[in-house]
Each structure stands twice: as structure tokens, then as C-alpha cells.
N, C-alpha and C. Protein backbone atom coordinates (compact mmCIF):
# COMPACT_ATOMS: atom_id res chain seq x y z
N UNK A 1 66.06 131.13 237.13
CA UNK A 1 65.32 130.73 235.95
C UNK A 1 64.03 131.56 235.86
N UNK A 2 63.75 132.09 234.71
CA UNK A 2 62.57 132.92 234.51
C UNK A 2 61.32 132.05 234.46
N UNK A 3 60.24 132.58 235.01
CA UNK A 3 58.96 131.86 234.97
C UNK A 3 58.46 131.80 233.54
N UNK A 4 57.82 130.68 233.17
CA UNK A 4 57.28 130.61 231.80
C UNK A 4 56.22 131.69 231.60
N UNK A 5 56.20 132.22 230.39
CA UNK A 5 55.23 133.27 230.06
C UNK A 5 53.84 132.67 229.92
N UNK A 6 52.91 133.33 230.52
CA UNK A 6 51.51 132.91 230.37
C UNK A 6 50.99 133.51 229.07
N UNK A 7 50.14 132.75 228.39
CA UNK A 7 49.56 133.34 227.18
C UNK A 7 48.74 134.57 227.54
N UNK A 8 48.81 135.54 226.68
CA UNK A 8 48.08 136.79 226.91
C UNK A 8 46.58 136.51 226.84
N UNK A 9 45.87 136.99 227.85
CA UNK A 9 44.42 136.82 227.88
C UNK A 9 43.77 137.87 226.98
N UNK A 10 42.75 137.46 226.25
CA UNK A 10 42.07 138.44 225.39
C UNK A 10 41.40 139.53 226.23
N UNK A 11 41.29 140.68 225.64
CA UNK A 11 40.65 141.84 226.27
C UNK A 11 39.15 141.58 226.32
N UNK A 12 38.62 141.27 227.52
CA UNK A 12 37.20 140.93 227.63
C UNK A 12 36.31 142.13 227.31
N UNK A 13 36.80 143.34 227.49
CA UNK A 13 36.01 144.51 227.13
C UNK A 13 35.91 144.69 225.63
N UNK A 14 36.80 144.06 224.89
CA UNK A 14 36.80 144.20 223.43
C UNK A 14 35.52 143.61 222.83
N UNK A 15 35.06 142.50 223.36
CA UNK A 15 33.85 141.86 222.84
C UNK A 15 32.67 142.83 222.96
N UNK A 16 32.55 143.42 224.13
CA UNK A 16 31.47 144.39 224.36
C UNK A 16 31.62 145.61 223.44
N UNK A 17 32.85 146.09 223.29
CA UNK A 17 33.08 147.25 222.40
C UNK A 17 32.72 146.92 220.96
N UNK A 18 33.00 145.69 220.54
CA UNK A 18 32.64 145.28 219.17
C UNK A 18 31.13 145.28 218.98
N UNK A 19 30.40 144.80 219.97
CA UNK A 19 28.94 144.79 219.90
C UNK A 19 28.41 146.22 219.85
N UNK A 20 28.92 147.07 220.72
CA UNK A 20 28.49 148.48 220.75
C UNK A 20 28.84 149.20 219.44
N UNK A 21 30.04 148.95 218.93
CA UNK A 21 30.47 149.59 217.69
C UNK A 21 29.59 149.18 216.52
N UNK A 22 29.23 147.91 216.48
CA UNK A 22 28.37 147.42 215.40
C UNK A 22 27.00 148.08 215.48
N UNK A 23 26.44 148.15 216.67
CA UNK A 23 25.13 148.80 216.83
C UNK A 23 25.19 150.26 216.41
N UNK A 24 26.25 150.95 216.79
CA UNK A 24 26.40 152.37 216.43
C UNK A 24 26.50 152.54 214.92
N UNK A 25 27.32 151.73 214.26
CA UNK A 25 27.44 151.83 212.81
C UNK A 25 26.11 151.53 212.13
N UNK A 26 25.41 150.52 212.60
CA UNK A 26 24.12 150.18 212.00
C UNK A 26 23.13 151.33 212.16
N UNK A 27 23.08 151.91 213.37
CA UNK A 27 22.16 153.03 213.63
C UNK A 27 22.51 154.25 212.80
N UNK A 28 23.81 154.57 212.74
CA UNK A 28 24.24 155.81 212.09
C UNK A 28 24.35 155.72 210.58
N UNK A 29 24.79 154.55 210.07
CA UNK A 29 25.09 154.45 208.64
C UNK A 29 24.41 153.28 207.93
N UNK A 30 23.73 152.42 208.67
CA UNK A 30 23.08 151.27 208.06
C UNK A 30 23.92 150.01 208.23
N UNK A 31 23.25 148.87 208.12
CA UNK A 31 23.95 147.60 208.37
C UNK A 31 25.08 147.34 207.38
N UNK A 32 24.98 147.84 206.17
CA UNK A 32 26.03 147.60 205.17
C UNK A 32 27.36 148.24 205.58
N UNK A 33 27.30 149.27 206.42
CA UNK A 33 28.53 149.92 206.88
C UNK A 33 29.24 149.10 207.96
N UNK A 34 28.54 148.14 208.54
CA UNK A 34 29.11 147.35 209.64
C UNK A 34 29.93 146.18 209.10
N UNK A 35 31.05 146.50 208.48
CA UNK A 35 31.98 145.47 208.01
C UNK A 35 32.96 145.17 209.14
N UNK A 36 33.66 144.06 209.05
CA UNK A 36 34.60 143.72 210.11
C UNK A 36 35.67 144.80 210.27
N UNK A 37 36.11 145.36 209.17
CA UNK A 37 37.13 146.42 209.22
C UNK A 37 36.59 147.66 209.92
N UNK A 38 35.40 148.10 209.53
CA UNK A 38 34.81 149.31 210.14
C UNK A 38 34.48 149.10 211.60
N UNK A 39 33.94 147.92 211.93
CA UNK A 39 33.60 147.61 213.31
C UNK A 39 34.85 147.64 214.18
N UNK A 40 35.92 146.99 213.71
CA UNK A 40 37.17 146.95 214.46
C UNK A 40 37.71 148.37 214.68
N UNK A 41 37.70 149.18 213.64
CA UNK A 41 38.19 150.55 213.76
C UNK A 41 37.36 151.34 214.77
N UNK A 42 36.05 151.20 214.70
CA UNK A 42 35.14 151.91 215.62
C UNK A 42 35.37 151.46 217.06
N UNK A 43 35.66 150.16 217.25
CA UNK A 43 35.87 149.61 218.59
C UNK A 43 37.30 149.82 219.09
N UNK A 44 38.19 150.22 218.19
CA UNK A 44 39.58 150.45 218.57
C UNK A 44 40.37 149.16 218.78
N UNK A 45 40.06 148.15 217.97
CA UNK A 45 40.77 146.87 218.06
C UNK A 45 41.22 146.45 216.67
N UNK A 46 42.05 145.41 216.61
CA UNK A 46 42.48 144.88 215.32
C UNK A 46 41.35 144.06 214.70
N UNK A 47 41.30 144.06 213.38
CA UNK A 47 40.23 143.39 212.65
C UNK A 47 40.15 141.90 213.01
N UNK A 48 41.29 141.26 213.23
CA UNK A 48 41.29 139.83 213.55
C UNK A 48 40.51 139.52 214.82
N UNK A 49 40.43 140.50 215.72
CA UNK A 49 39.72 140.28 216.97
C UNK A 49 38.21 140.14 216.74
N UNK A 50 37.71 140.73 215.69
CA UNK A 50 36.29 140.57 215.36
C UNK A 50 36.01 139.08 215.19
N UNK A 51 36.86 138.40 214.42
CA UNK A 51 36.63 136.98 214.14
C UNK A 51 37.09 136.07 215.27
N UNK A 52 37.88 136.61 216.19
CA UNK A 52 38.23 135.85 217.39
C UNK A 52 36.97 135.64 218.23
N UNK A 53 36.19 136.70 218.39
CA UNK A 53 34.98 136.64 219.20
C UNK A 53 33.76 136.17 218.43
N UNK A 54 33.72 136.46 217.15
CA UNK A 54 32.55 136.15 216.33
C UNK A 54 33.02 135.49 215.04
N UNK A 55 32.87 134.17 214.92
CA UNK A 55 33.38 133.47 213.74
C UNK A 55 32.86 134.02 212.40
N UNK A 56 31.63 134.54 212.42
CA UNK A 56 31.08 135.15 211.20
C UNK A 56 30.45 136.48 211.56
N UNK A 57 30.23 137.30 210.58
CA UNK A 57 29.54 138.58 210.83
C UNK A 57 28.11 138.32 211.27
N UNK A 58 27.49 137.25 210.79
CA UNK A 58 26.14 136.91 211.26
C UNK A 58 26.15 136.68 212.76
N UNK A 59 27.19 136.02 213.28
CA UNK A 59 27.30 135.79 214.71
C UNK A 59 27.36 137.13 215.46
N UNK A 60 28.11 138.06 214.91
CA UNK A 60 28.20 139.38 215.53
C UNK A 60 26.85 140.09 215.48
N UNK A 61 26.19 140.08 214.33
CA UNK A 61 24.89 140.73 214.21
C UNK A 61 23.87 140.12 215.18
N UNK A 62 23.88 138.80 215.32
CA UNK A 62 22.96 138.14 216.25
C UNK A 62 23.23 138.60 217.68
N UNK A 63 24.50 138.73 218.04
CA UNK A 63 24.83 139.19 219.40
C UNK A 63 24.40 140.64 219.62
N UNK A 64 24.53 141.46 218.60
CA UNK A 64 24.06 142.85 218.70
C UNK A 64 22.55 142.86 218.92
N UNK A 65 21.85 142.05 218.16
CA UNK A 65 20.39 141.95 218.29
C UNK A 65 20.02 141.46 219.68
N UNK A 66 20.67 140.41 220.15
CA UNK A 66 20.36 139.86 221.48
C UNK A 66 20.65 140.85 222.60
N UNK A 67 21.78 141.53 222.51
CA UNK A 67 22.14 142.50 223.55
C UNK A 67 21.09 143.60 223.63
N UNK A 68 20.71 144.12 222.49
CA UNK A 68 19.69 145.16 222.48
C UNK A 68 18.33 144.64 222.90
N UNK A 69 18.01 143.42 222.50
CA UNK A 69 16.72 142.83 222.82
C UNK A 69 16.57 142.60 224.32
N UNK A 70 17.62 142.10 224.95
CA UNK A 70 17.55 141.84 226.39
C UNK A 70 17.28 143.12 227.17
N UNK A 71 18.00 144.17 226.82
CA UNK A 71 17.81 145.46 227.50
C UNK A 71 16.43 146.01 227.20
N UNK A 72 16.04 145.95 225.95
CA UNK A 72 14.75 146.49 225.52
C UNK A 72 13.58 145.75 226.16
N UNK A 73 13.65 144.43 226.20
CA UNK A 73 12.56 143.65 226.79
C UNK A 73 12.40 143.96 228.27
N UNK A 74 13.49 144.07 228.99
CA UNK A 74 13.40 144.38 230.41
C UNK A 74 12.83 145.78 230.63
N UNK A 75 13.29 146.73 229.84
CA UNK A 75 12.78 148.10 229.93
C UNK A 75 11.28 148.12 229.63
N UNK A 76 10.87 147.34 228.62
CA UNK A 76 9.47 147.31 228.22
C UNK A 76 8.61 146.68 229.31
N UNK A 77 9.07 145.58 229.89
CA UNK A 77 8.30 144.93 230.97
C UNK A 77 8.07 145.89 232.13
N UNK A 78 9.10 146.62 232.48
CA UNK A 78 9.00 147.58 233.58
C UNK A 78 8.07 148.74 233.21
N UNK A 79 8.28 149.31 232.05
CA UNK A 79 7.51 150.48 231.63
C UNK A 79 6.03 150.18 231.47
N UNK A 80 5.70 149.01 230.97
CA UNK A 80 4.31 148.70 230.69
C UNK A 80 3.50 148.32 231.93
N UNK A 81 4.14 148.35 233.09
CA UNK A 81 3.40 148.10 234.33
C UNK A 81 3.01 149.41 235.01
N UNK A 82 3.28 150.54 234.36
CA UNK A 82 2.93 151.81 234.99
C UNK A 82 1.44 152.08 234.86
N UNK A 83 1.02 153.26 235.29
CA UNK A 83 -0.41 153.59 235.34
C UNK A 83 -1.08 153.73 233.98
N UNK A 84 -0.32 154.05 232.95
CA UNK A 84 -0.90 154.26 231.63
C UNK A 84 -0.09 153.50 230.57
N UNK A 85 -0.25 152.17 230.54
CA UNK A 85 0.57 151.36 229.64
C UNK A 85 0.34 151.66 228.15
N UNK A 86 -0.83 152.14 227.78
CA UNK A 86 -1.08 152.43 226.37
C UNK A 86 -0.22 153.61 225.90
N UNK A 87 -0.18 154.66 226.69
CA UNK A 87 0.67 155.81 226.33
C UNK A 87 2.15 155.44 226.44
N UNK A 88 2.48 154.59 227.39
CA UNK A 88 3.87 154.13 227.51
C UNK A 88 4.26 153.33 226.28
N UNK A 89 3.37 152.48 225.81
CA UNK A 89 3.61 151.71 224.59
C UNK A 89 3.83 152.65 223.41
N UNK A 90 3.03 153.68 223.33
CA UNK A 90 3.18 154.69 222.27
C UNK A 90 4.55 155.37 222.39
N UNK A 91 4.93 155.76 223.58
CA UNK A 91 6.21 156.45 223.79
C UNK A 91 7.39 155.54 223.47
N UNK A 92 7.35 154.30 223.90
CA UNK A 92 8.45 153.36 223.64
C UNK A 92 8.65 153.19 222.14
N UNK A 93 7.57 153.04 221.42
CA UNK A 93 7.68 152.80 219.98
C UNK A 93 7.88 154.07 219.17
N UNK A 94 7.81 155.22 219.83
CA UNK A 94 8.08 156.50 219.16
C UNK A 94 9.54 156.90 219.29
N UNK A 95 10.35 156.06 219.91
CA UNK A 95 11.78 156.34 220.08
C UNK A 95 12.49 156.10 218.75
N UNK A 96 12.90 157.18 218.09
CA UNK A 96 13.48 157.06 216.75
C UNK A 96 14.80 156.30 216.74
N UNK A 97 15.59 156.39 217.80
CA UNK A 97 16.86 155.65 217.85
C UNK A 97 16.63 154.16 217.87
N UNK A 98 15.68 153.73 218.65
CA UNK A 98 15.33 152.31 218.74
C UNK A 98 14.74 151.84 217.41
N UNK A 99 13.89 152.65 216.83
CA UNK A 99 13.26 152.28 215.57
C UNK A 99 14.28 152.18 214.45
N UNK A 100 15.27 153.06 214.44
CA UNK A 100 16.29 153.03 213.38
C UNK A 100 17.06 151.71 213.39
N UNK A 101 17.47 151.27 214.56
CA UNK A 101 18.20 150.00 214.64
C UNK A 101 17.31 148.83 214.27
N UNK A 102 16.06 148.85 214.72
CA UNK A 102 15.11 147.79 214.34
C UNK A 102 14.92 147.74 212.84
N UNK A 103 14.85 148.89 212.21
CA UNK A 103 14.68 148.94 210.75
C UNK A 103 15.88 148.31 210.06
N UNK A 104 17.07 148.57 210.56
CA UNK A 104 18.27 147.96 209.97
C UNK A 104 18.25 146.45 210.13
N UNK A 105 17.80 145.98 211.28
CA UNK A 105 17.71 144.53 211.47
C UNK A 105 16.65 143.91 210.56
N UNK A 106 15.56 144.63 210.33
CA UNK A 106 14.53 144.13 209.40
C UNK A 106 15.13 144.00 208.00
N UNK A 107 15.88 144.99 207.58
CA UNK A 107 16.51 144.94 206.26
C UNK A 107 17.53 143.82 206.19
N UNK A 108 18.32 143.67 207.22
CA UNK A 108 19.33 142.61 207.27
C UNK A 108 18.67 141.23 207.26
N UNK A 109 17.54 141.11 207.94
CA UNK A 109 16.83 139.83 207.99
C UNK A 109 16.34 139.38 206.62
N UNK A 110 16.15 140.32 205.72
CA UNK A 110 15.75 139.95 204.35
C UNK A 110 16.84 139.18 203.62
N UNK A 111 18.08 139.31 204.09
CA UNK A 111 19.22 138.70 203.41
C UNK A 111 19.90 137.59 204.20
N UNK A 112 19.61 137.52 205.49
CA UNK A 112 20.33 136.57 206.34
C UNK A 112 19.35 135.80 207.22
N UNK A 113 19.30 134.49 207.01
CA UNK A 113 18.35 133.63 207.72
C UNK A 113 18.57 133.65 209.23
N UNK A 114 19.82 133.65 209.68
CA UNK A 114 20.10 133.65 211.12
C UNK A 114 19.51 134.88 211.79
N UNK A 115 19.60 136.01 211.12
CA UNK A 115 19.05 137.25 211.67
C UNK A 115 17.53 137.18 211.66
N UNK A 116 16.96 136.67 210.59
CA UNK A 116 15.51 136.55 210.47
C UNK A 116 14.95 135.69 211.62
N UNK A 117 15.61 134.58 211.88
CA UNK A 117 15.16 133.68 212.94
C UNK A 117 15.21 134.36 214.30
N UNK A 118 16.31 135.02 214.58
CA UNK A 118 16.47 135.71 215.87
C UNK A 118 15.50 136.88 216.00
N UNK A 119 15.33 137.63 214.93
CA UNK A 119 14.44 138.79 214.95
C UNK A 119 12.99 138.35 215.15
N UNK A 120 12.62 137.27 214.52
CA UNK A 120 11.25 136.76 214.67
C UNK A 120 10.98 136.38 216.13
N UNK A 121 11.92 135.67 216.75
CA UNK A 121 11.75 135.27 218.15
C UNK A 121 11.61 136.49 219.05
N UNK A 122 12.44 137.50 218.81
CA UNK A 122 12.38 138.72 219.59
C UNK A 122 11.05 139.44 219.37
N UNK A 123 10.64 139.57 218.12
CA UNK A 123 9.39 140.28 217.80
C UNK A 123 8.19 139.59 218.44
N UNK A 124 8.20 138.27 218.49
CA UNK A 124 7.09 137.55 219.11
C UNK A 124 7.06 137.78 220.62
N UNK A 125 8.22 137.85 221.25
CA UNK A 125 8.25 138.15 222.70
C UNK A 125 7.74 139.56 222.95
N UNK A 126 8.16 140.51 222.12
CA UNK A 126 7.70 141.90 222.26
C UNK A 126 6.18 141.95 222.10
N UNK A 127 5.67 141.29 221.07
CA UNK A 127 4.23 141.31 220.82
C UNK A 127 3.47 140.72 222.01
N UNK A 128 3.99 139.65 222.59
CA UNK A 128 3.34 139.05 223.77
C UNK A 128 3.29 140.02 224.94
N UNK A 129 4.40 140.68 225.21
CA UNK A 129 4.46 141.64 226.33
C UNK A 129 3.51 142.80 226.09
N UNK A 130 3.56 143.35 224.88
CA UNK A 130 2.69 144.49 224.55
C UNK A 130 1.22 144.10 224.64
N UNK A 131 0.87 142.94 224.12
CA UNK A 131 -0.52 142.49 224.12
C UNK A 131 -1.01 142.27 225.55
N UNK A 132 -0.19 141.66 226.38
CA UNK A 132 -0.58 141.43 227.77
C UNK A 132 -0.83 142.75 228.50
N UNK A 133 0.05 143.72 228.28
CA UNK A 133 -0.10 145.03 228.94
C UNK A 133 -1.38 145.72 228.47
N UNK A 134 -1.64 145.66 227.18
CA UNK A 134 -2.85 146.28 226.65
C UNK A 134 -4.09 145.56 227.17
N UNK A 135 -4.07 144.25 227.23
CA UNK A 135 -5.22 143.48 227.73
C UNK A 135 -5.56 143.89 229.17
N UNK A 136 -4.54 143.99 230.01
CA UNK A 136 -4.75 144.39 231.40
C UNK A 136 -5.35 145.79 231.45
N UNK A 137 -4.80 146.70 230.65
CA UNK A 137 -5.27 148.10 230.65
C UNK A 137 -6.72 148.20 230.18
N UNK A 138 -7.05 147.49 229.12
CA UNK A 138 -8.41 147.56 228.59
C UNK A 138 -9.42 146.96 229.56
N UNK A 139 -9.08 145.80 230.11
CA UNK A 139 -9.99 145.15 231.07
C UNK A 139 -10.18 146.02 232.32
N UNK A 140 -9.12 146.65 232.78
CA UNK A 140 -9.20 147.50 233.98
C UNK A 140 -10.14 148.68 233.76
N UNK A 141 -10.28 149.08 232.51
CA UNK A 141 -11.14 150.23 232.20
C UNK A 141 -12.50 149.79 231.67
N UNK A 142 -12.78 148.49 231.73
CA UNK A 142 -14.08 147.97 231.31
C UNK A 142 -14.32 148.00 229.81
N UNK A 143 -13.26 148.00 229.03
CA UNK A 143 -13.40 148.05 227.57
C UNK A 143 -13.54 146.63 227.04
N UNK A 144 -14.47 146.43 226.15
CA UNK A 144 -14.77 145.12 225.56
C UNK A 144 -13.58 144.64 224.73
N UNK A 145 -12.90 143.59 225.21
CA UNK A 145 -11.71 143.10 224.52
C UNK A 145 -12.06 142.25 223.29
N UNK A 146 -13.34 141.95 223.11
CA UNK A 146 -13.75 141.28 221.87
C UNK A 146 -13.93 142.31 220.76
N UNK A 147 -14.46 143.45 221.14
CA UNK A 147 -14.64 144.54 220.18
C UNK A 147 -13.29 145.18 219.85
N UNK A 148 -12.42 145.28 220.86
CA UNK A 148 -11.09 145.86 220.69
C UNK A 148 -10.04 144.83 221.14
N UNK A 149 -9.72 143.88 220.27
CA UNK A 149 -8.76 142.83 220.66
C UNK A 149 -7.41 143.44 221.07
N UNK A 150 -6.91 143.07 222.26
CA UNK A 150 -5.65 143.65 222.74
C UNK A 150 -4.48 143.51 221.76
N UNK A 151 -4.38 142.40 221.07
CA UNK A 151 -3.27 142.25 220.12
C UNK A 151 -3.39 143.27 218.99
N UNK A 152 -4.62 143.52 218.54
CA UNK A 152 -4.82 144.49 217.47
C UNK A 152 -4.56 145.92 217.96
N UNK A 153 -5.00 146.23 219.17
CA UNK A 153 -4.77 147.56 219.73
C UNK A 153 -3.28 147.79 219.92
N UNK A 154 -2.58 146.77 220.46
CA UNK A 154 -1.14 146.93 220.67
C UNK A 154 -0.40 147.11 219.35
N UNK A 155 -0.80 146.34 218.34
CA UNK A 155 -0.16 146.48 217.02
C UNK A 155 -0.45 147.85 216.41
N UNK A 156 -1.68 148.31 216.56
CA UNK A 156 -2.05 149.61 216.01
C UNK A 156 -1.20 150.72 216.64
N UNK A 157 -1.03 150.67 217.93
CA UNK A 157 -0.23 151.68 218.62
C UNK A 157 1.24 151.57 218.19
N UNK A 158 1.80 150.37 218.32
CA UNK A 158 3.23 150.18 218.04
C UNK A 158 3.58 150.44 216.58
N UNK A 159 2.81 149.88 215.68
CA UNK A 159 3.14 150.02 214.26
C UNK A 159 2.94 151.45 213.76
N UNK A 160 1.94 152.13 214.29
CA UNK A 160 1.74 153.53 213.90
C UNK A 160 2.92 154.38 214.36
N UNK A 161 3.33 154.18 215.61
CA UNK A 161 4.47 154.95 216.13
C UNK A 161 5.73 154.68 215.32
N UNK A 162 6.01 153.41 215.03
CA UNK A 162 7.21 153.06 214.27
C UNK A 162 7.15 153.61 212.85
N UNK A 163 5.98 153.58 212.25
CA UNK A 163 5.83 154.11 210.90
C UNK A 163 6.14 155.61 210.86
N UNK A 164 5.66 156.32 211.86
CA UNK A 164 5.96 157.76 211.94
C UNK A 164 7.46 157.99 212.08
N UNK A 165 8.13 157.18 212.89
CA UNK A 165 9.59 157.30 213.05
C UNK A 165 10.30 157.04 211.73
N UNK A 166 9.87 156.00 211.02
CA UNK A 166 10.50 155.67 209.74
C UNK A 166 10.32 156.80 208.73
N UNK A 167 9.12 157.37 208.68
CA UNK A 167 8.89 158.48 207.75
C UNK A 167 9.67 159.72 208.18
N UNK A 168 9.70 160.00 209.48
CA UNK A 168 10.48 161.14 209.98
C UNK A 168 11.94 161.03 209.56
N UNK A 169 12.46 159.80 209.58
CA UNK A 169 13.88 159.56 209.26
C UNK A 169 14.22 159.97 207.83
N UNK A 170 13.24 159.93 206.95
CA UNK A 170 13.50 160.31 205.55
C UNK A 170 12.88 161.66 205.20
N UNK A 171 12.37 162.36 206.22
CA UNK A 171 11.86 163.71 206.00
C UNK A 171 10.41 163.80 205.58
N UNK A 172 9.66 162.71 205.66
CA UNK A 172 8.24 162.75 205.32
C UNK A 172 7.46 163.04 206.60
N UNK A 173 6.72 164.15 206.59
CA UNK A 173 5.98 164.54 207.79
C UNK A 173 4.52 164.89 207.50
N UNK A 174 4.12 164.88 206.27
CA UNK A 174 2.75 165.24 205.91
C UNK A 174 1.75 164.33 206.61
N UNK A 175 0.87 164.92 207.37
CA UNK A 175 -0.16 164.18 208.09
C UNK A 175 0.26 163.68 209.46
N UNK A 176 1.52 163.87 209.82
CA UNK A 176 2.00 163.34 211.10
C UNK A 176 1.33 164.01 212.30
N UNK A 177 1.19 165.31 212.26
CA UNK A 177 0.57 166.00 213.39
C UNK A 177 -0.88 165.55 213.56
N UNK A 178 -1.57 165.41 212.45
CA UNK A 178 -2.97 164.98 212.51
C UNK A 178 -3.08 163.54 213.02
N UNK A 179 -2.17 162.67 212.59
CA UNK A 179 -2.20 161.28 213.04
C UNK A 179 -1.87 161.19 214.53
N UNK A 180 -0.89 161.96 214.96
CA UNK A 180 -0.55 161.95 216.39
C UNK A 180 -1.73 162.45 217.22
N UNK A 181 -2.42 163.48 216.74
CA UNK A 181 -3.58 164.00 217.46
C UNK A 181 -4.70 162.96 217.50
N UNK A 182 -4.90 162.23 216.40
CA UNK A 182 -5.92 161.18 216.36
C UNK A 182 -5.57 160.06 217.35
N UNK A 183 -4.31 159.64 217.37
CA UNK A 183 -3.89 158.60 218.31
C UNK A 183 -4.09 159.09 219.73
N UNK A 184 -3.78 160.34 219.99
CA UNK A 184 -3.97 160.90 221.32
C UNK A 184 -5.44 160.84 221.74
N UNK A 185 -6.33 161.18 220.81
CA UNK A 185 -7.77 161.11 221.13
C UNK A 185 -8.22 159.67 221.37
N UNK A 186 -7.70 158.76 220.56
CA UNK A 186 -8.05 157.34 220.75
C UNK A 186 -7.53 156.83 222.09
N UNK A 187 -6.33 157.21 222.45
CA UNK A 187 -5.80 156.79 223.75
C UNK A 187 -6.62 157.39 224.89
N UNK A 188 -7.09 158.62 224.71
CA UNK A 188 -7.99 159.22 225.71
C UNK A 188 -9.26 158.38 225.85
N UNK A 189 -9.79 157.90 224.73
CA UNK A 189 -10.99 157.07 224.75
C UNK A 189 -10.74 155.79 225.53
N UNK A 190 -9.59 155.16 225.29
CA UNK A 190 -9.28 153.90 225.97
C UNK A 190 -8.91 154.09 227.43
N UNK A 191 -8.29 155.23 227.76
CA UNK A 191 -7.81 155.41 229.12
C UNK A 191 -8.77 156.21 229.99
N UNK A 192 -9.81 156.78 229.38
CA UNK A 192 -10.82 157.50 230.14
C UNK A 192 -10.29 158.76 230.72
């Protein structure tokens, strides 16, 4: 007598491939390109598997955001403990690949509440980490944190870097060299 057939177990690597495929499509073509059909094709699986792992596309987008956020937060915590956290903060936020995906999530958050909620929580954690690193750096160098509030300094560094990445992405470069030189001089002032 033949043994009863066991139900086929789902491909556990497929879930990860779907998350990676979604992130790639969002980075390369924008969030609107990340349809269940396109994601499945990019991941090399059947479209039904998208909904097996993620009941809605919002669920998939949230998982893409979380996966990237977890890696990014850990990388940021490690990087911002080095000898020059202000320049590290500038470098992290000058990463155009990271900025491109964040921009897509910002656009998606305008239309989907679940994404907005998740993105807000992530952004607040990032701001806390950045602010703490800047506060330590400024205090270590004897800089008045009332005159230069760490949260404002961290936002100035991060937002300026991201803005340059966003403009670079569409071919706007006027004033970029001058702004980068100004930021460099300001960082020299803060880091001595």
C-alpha cells in the first residue's frame, strides 16, 4: 500500500523573493509598477503565490518597508557610533538607492493609510537614532546644543542629503556642488 501523499509545502524562499522583487520594481520603476503580476514575474513565481503570502498588496508593501527598515536601522545604529557620526549621517542619507525607495514609499503613503502608519513609525525611529548620534557628537566637541539643537542639526544634514538625491534623480544639479561644499564646511565647524 502506498503511503498517503503529504501536502506540498510552500516554497519558503518565495516569500523572500517576492519582497525583494517588489523592492526592486519600486526602486527601478516606481511603486505603480509593483503589481501582483509584475512582482510574481520578477520573483519567478505564479501570481497566486503573491496572495498566498500577502492577502493584499498593502500587506506586501508593508513587509517590503519593514524588511528594508530593519536592515537600515541596524546599519544606521552601527554607522553612527563611529568617530565622525555627522559625516556618516551625511553619507548614509546621500545614498541615492536608499533615497529612491524611500521616495516611493512616501508617494505610496499619500494613497495608503497602512503604509503611512508604518512609514511614520519607521521615520520616527530613524529621527531618534540620528538625533541621539548628533547630540553625542555635538556635546563631545563642546558645541552648545541649545544654540544648535541636535534634532535640527540631524534634520538639516539628512534632509539636505535626501533633497540632493531627489534632484539628482531627475537631472537637477544647479547649485549642488556649492551646497555640498557649504555642508562640508559646516561639518568641519561642528567636528573641529
